[in-house]
């Protein structure tokens, strides 16, 4: 496939079709600075780290407003492992719902604002590291283990602000983050208790998430995307014309709306906005296979939420066949970004996970 075509297909959080068994349990830190033997903890990046607040969230205001307002919504920040992370918060009833945005050109927590407005629950919508209002990420100064560090970022939000079993919904190729949140167990995290249910919206195919992507191919992808030709082609696609063209061609069941395009353009204008997108598009988040976690470590109710126009539906049968409590929900009038195309129906699917978690006694109510 020609390089320009490959980048175009990858820009908006689509799952790579590259499949291969992992070589090790944890993926290499493909975004680590050259010569480093472990993640670099230098936080001298363009957005300075603020002082810690002992778990007390700070309300913030600033530029790069994207997404329609949700009644009662506010932006807040918290600190974790030297990062300042931002999140949108909407008050509501228990349990809390955490909505994890896709990584892609101009994408951050604004993606979920329509679904948040349709949910009666308290909602948390974090901006992942390097996205939205969260601290910028300079991979030359500090490495990230992906998707593990995204999971740890959300775990810190849970410990500092949520503190009770919640339901998580995650979009697209960020599904591995949701899987890790629900399955991980450490001295600081008990996913089986903290995550009462999981909704995977337009996730990767079963083979991709269970077996992982070919690591050598992922490394080659990243090398190309971060090279001068790769960056040149990437920047060519950061225009209204290409965002609209590829959204219509690959993401939406019908034509994309002007609000979507403008939000992508505004968010992409942030300094450093492309840094998280390049490794994601290379396949770093999906490099590690998660079959063991999916097959043996997730007893919580799971919903795979898919657009009826998503051609990958036929390749997701393994979720329901493997997970002990999994249902598939097909949404008419949607393709690959169900939360934006059909927010009411997506909210209803998430509400179904909440109801199943309640019936299973997984909520502290």
Foldseek 3Di string as FASTA:
>chain_A
DDPLVLCLLLFFQAADPFFAFFPDQFFDLLLAAPPDPDWFLDPPDPDAQDDADQLDWAFDDDDLDAADDAVQKTKTWHDDSRWIKIKIKHAAADDEEEEEWGAHQLTFQNLQRLLVNLARHIYIGIGFACFDPIDHDDSNRTIDRPPVVSLVVVLSNCVRPRVWAYAYEYAEALVLSVLCQLFDDDPSHDNVQNHQEYEYELYHFLSLQARFGDSVQLSVQLVQCPDVVNVVSVVVCLDLVNVQVSCCVAWFPHGDDPSVSVSSNSRNPDPNNCVVSSSVSSRSNRRHHDNCSQQPGHQHAYEYEAEPQEPSPVRRVVNVVRHPHYYYHYDYRGYRSCCNRPSNVVSVVSVVSVVRSVVVVSGPD
